[in-house]
Protein backbone atom coordinates (compact mmCIF):
# COMPACT_ATOMS: atom_id res chain seq x y z
CA MET A 1 -0.83 -3.54 -19.53
CA ILE A 2 -1.24 -4.11 -15.82
CA ILE A 3 -3.36 -2.04 -13.42
CA ASP A 4 -3.15 -2.52 -9.66
CA GLN A 5 -2.74 -0.80 -6.29
CA LEU A 6 0.72 0.09 -5.04
CA GLU A 7 0.13 -2.07 -1.94
CA ASN A 8 0.33 -5.09 -4.28
CA ALA A 9 3.53 -4.03 -6.03
CA SER A 10 5.65 -6.80 -4.51
CA GLN A 11 3.69 -9.29 -6.62
CA TYR A 12 5.42 -7.80 -9.68
CA TYR A 13 9.02 -7.91 -8.39
CA GLY A 14 9.47 -11.15 -10.34
CA LEU A 15 9.20 -9.21 -13.62
CA GLY A 16 12.83 -8.28 -13.13
CA PRO A 17 15.24 -6.28 -10.99
CA ARG A 18 14.50 -3.00 -12.79
CA ILE A 19 10.75 -3.33 -12.21
CA GLN A 20 11.49 -4.19 -8.60
CA ALA A 21 13.67 -1.06 -8.29
CA ALA A 22 10.85 1.04 -9.77
CA PHE A 23 8.32 -0.28 -7.29
CA ARG A 24 10.66 -0.01 -4.32
CA TYR A 25 11.19 3.65 -5.21
CA LEU A 26 7.42 4.21 -5.31
CA GLN A 27 6.93 2.35 -2.03
CA ASP A 28 9.85 3.93 -0.13
CA THR A 29 9.57 7.57 -1.24
CA ASP A 30 7.39 10.24 0.34
CA LEU A 31 5.68 11.02 -2.95
CA GLN A 32 3.20 13.47 -1.44
CA ASN A 33 6.10 15.77 -0.63
CA ALA A 34 8.39 14.93 -3.56
CA ALA A 35 9.24 17.95 -5.71
CA VAL A 36 8.50 17.98 -9.42
CA ASP A 37 11.76 16.75 -10.96
CA ARG A 38 13.57 13.79 -12.50
CA TYR A 39 15.13 11.33 -10.04
CA ALA A 40 17.75 8.73 -10.92
CA ILE A 41 16.99 5.32 -9.42
CA ASP A 42 19.52 3.33 -11.46
CA GLY A 43 21.06 5.87 -13.83
CA ASP A 44 19.26 5.93 -17.18
CA GLN A 45 18.08 2.34 -16.71
CA VAL A 46 15.42 3.28 -14.16
CA TYR A 47 14.40 6.84 -13.37
CA ALA A 48 11.36 8.63 -12.02
CA MET A 49 9.67 11.81 -13.17
CA VAL A 50 7.46 13.48 -10.56
CA GLN A 51 4.77 15.53 -12.31
CA GLU A 52 1.99 17.86 -11.21
CA TYR A 53 -0.62 19.05 -13.69
CA ASP A 54 -4.29 19.62 -14.26
CA SER A 55 -5.96 16.81 -16.16
CA LYS A 56 -7.22 17.93 -19.54
CA PRO A 57 -10.14 17.25 -21.89
CA LYS A 58 -9.72 14.22 -24.15
CA ALA A 59 -9.90 16.53 -27.18
CA GLU A 60 -6.46 17.84 -26.12
CA GLY A 61 -4.91 14.39 -25.65
CA PHE A 62 -2.89 12.21 -28.00
CA TRP A 63 -1.81 8.58 -28.14
CA GLU A 64 1.82 7.71 -27.44
CA SER A 65 4.03 4.69 -27.04
CA HIS A 66 7.71 3.91 -26.48
CA ARG A 67 10.20 1.32 -27.72
CA LYS A 68 13.11 1.33 -25.26
CA TYR A 69 11.33 1.93 -21.97
CA LEU A 70 8.20 0.74 -20.29
CA ASP A 71 6.26 3.09 -18.05
CA VAL A 72 5.10 2.53 -14.51
CA GLN A 73 2.60 5.37 -14.03
CA TYR A 74 1.48 5.92 -10.45
CA VAL A 75 -1.10 8.47 -9.28
CA ALA A 76 0.06 9.94 -5.97
CA SER A 77 -2.96 12.24 -5.71
CA GLY A 78 -6.01 12.98 -7.80
CA VAL A 79 -7.67 10.87 -10.47
CA GLU A 80 -7.48 10.79 -14.25
CA HIS A 81 -8.70 8.87 -17.23
CA MET A 82 -5.91 6.90 -18.89
CA GLY A 83 -6.39 5.92 -22.49
CA TYR A 84 -5.28 2.49 -23.66
CA ALA A 85 -5.12 0.78 -27.05
CA PRO A 86 -2.88 -1.88 -28.56
CA THR A 87 -0.36 -0.12 -30.81
CA SER A 88 -1.32 -2.60 -33.56
CA ASN A 89 -4.80 -0.98 -33.65
CA LEU A 90 -3.45 2.54 -34.23
CA ALA A 91 -1.61 4.36 -37.01
CA ALA A 92 1.92 5.19 -35.86
CA GLY A 93 3.82 8.33 -36.68
CA ALA A 94 7.59 8.56 -36.93
CA TYR A 95 9.66 7.20 -34.04
CA GLN A 96 11.61 9.92 -32.23
CA GLU A 97 14.63 8.02 -30.96
CA GLU A 98 16.09 10.90 -28.91
CA ASN A 99 13.11 10.85 -26.54
CA ASP A 100 11.82 7.29 -27.19
CA PHE A 101 8.45 8.56 -28.38
CA ILE A 102 5.91 7.56 -31.02
CA LYS A 103 2.73 9.56 -31.56
CA LEU A 104 -0.19 7.46 -32.78
CA GLU A 105 -3.65 8.10 -34.24
CA GLY A 106 -6.87 6.17 -33.70
CA ASP A 107 -9.32 5.15 -31.01
CA GLY A 108 -9.02 3.30 -27.74
CA GLU A 109 -10.59 2.76 -24.35
CA PHE A 110 -10.30 4.79 -21.14
CA PHE A 111 -10.07 3.65 -17.54
CA LEU A 112 -9.85 5.42 -14.18
CA LEU A 113 -6.42 5.68 -12.65
CA ARG A 114 -7.04 6.73 -9.04
CA GLU A 115 -4.80 7.80 -6.22
CA GLY A 116 -2.80 4.80 -4.98
CA PHE A 117 -3.07 2.91 -8.29
CA PHE A 118 -0.45 2.28 -10.96
CA CYS A 119 -0.38 0.92 -14.46
CA ILE A 120 2.49 -0.74 -16.29
CA LEU A 121 2.62 0.15 -19.97
CA ALA A 122 4.85 -1.87 -22.29
CA PRO A 123 5.86 -0.87 -25.85
CA GLN A 124 2.76 -2.51 -27.33
CA ASP A 125 0.53 -0.45 -25.01
CA ALA A 126 -0.39 2.89 -26.55
CA HIS A 127 -1.59 5.27 -23.90
CA MET A 128 -3.14 8.70 -23.49
CA PRO A 129 -2.35 9.90 -19.96
CA GLY A 130 -3.64 12.86 -18.02
CA MET A 131 -7.21 13.01 -19.28
CA ALA A 132 -9.94 14.61 -17.16
CA VAL A 133 -12.69 12.41 -15.78
CA ASP A 134 -15.41 15.08 -15.77
CA GLN A 135 -13.68 18.40 -15.25
CA PRO A 136 -9.94 19.16 -15.20
CA GLN A 137 -8.47 18.69 -11.74
CA PRO A 138 -5.03 18.64 -10.14
CA VAL A 139 -3.08 15.38 -10.41
CA LYS A 140 0.27 14.41 -8.96
CA LYS A 141 1.77 11.50 -10.82
CA VAL A 142 5.08 9.67 -10.82
CA VAL A 143 6.16 8.09 -14.09
CA VAL A 144 8.98 5.60 -13.64
CA LYS A 145 10.79 4.76 -16.89
CA VAL A 146 12.25 1.25 -16.96
CA LEU A 147 14.75 0.33 -19.68
CA LEU A 148 13.84 -2.93 -21.40
């Protein structure tokens, strides 16, 4: 897992052309005014999902991970707690290939993901996104899926 500010994204271009495409999209798009939708960046190899939601209590959250894609999760506005745990520390449910999703059970840590910050989550990085810091509040997030 990597956590950083979008202003430093060019430091991660060397991770590959798909990661670079993901970051260029985040840097070059007016995300404050982007509509909630799915946006193709490079077909199904790199695509963005613009989301708006209210963060929720941790009791309503669940752990997830993916096998085919890594996530670049960027907070365009608001703040949330993001859960993190190595998948090896959690009990995995069945893999849902059609939506590249594994639900996991167990415990992990939480960190603040603030406006202007992103995190890169690889398949070994279980995560619990969208959790409220104190009280639920509006969040606008862009999740860029990058095919491995």
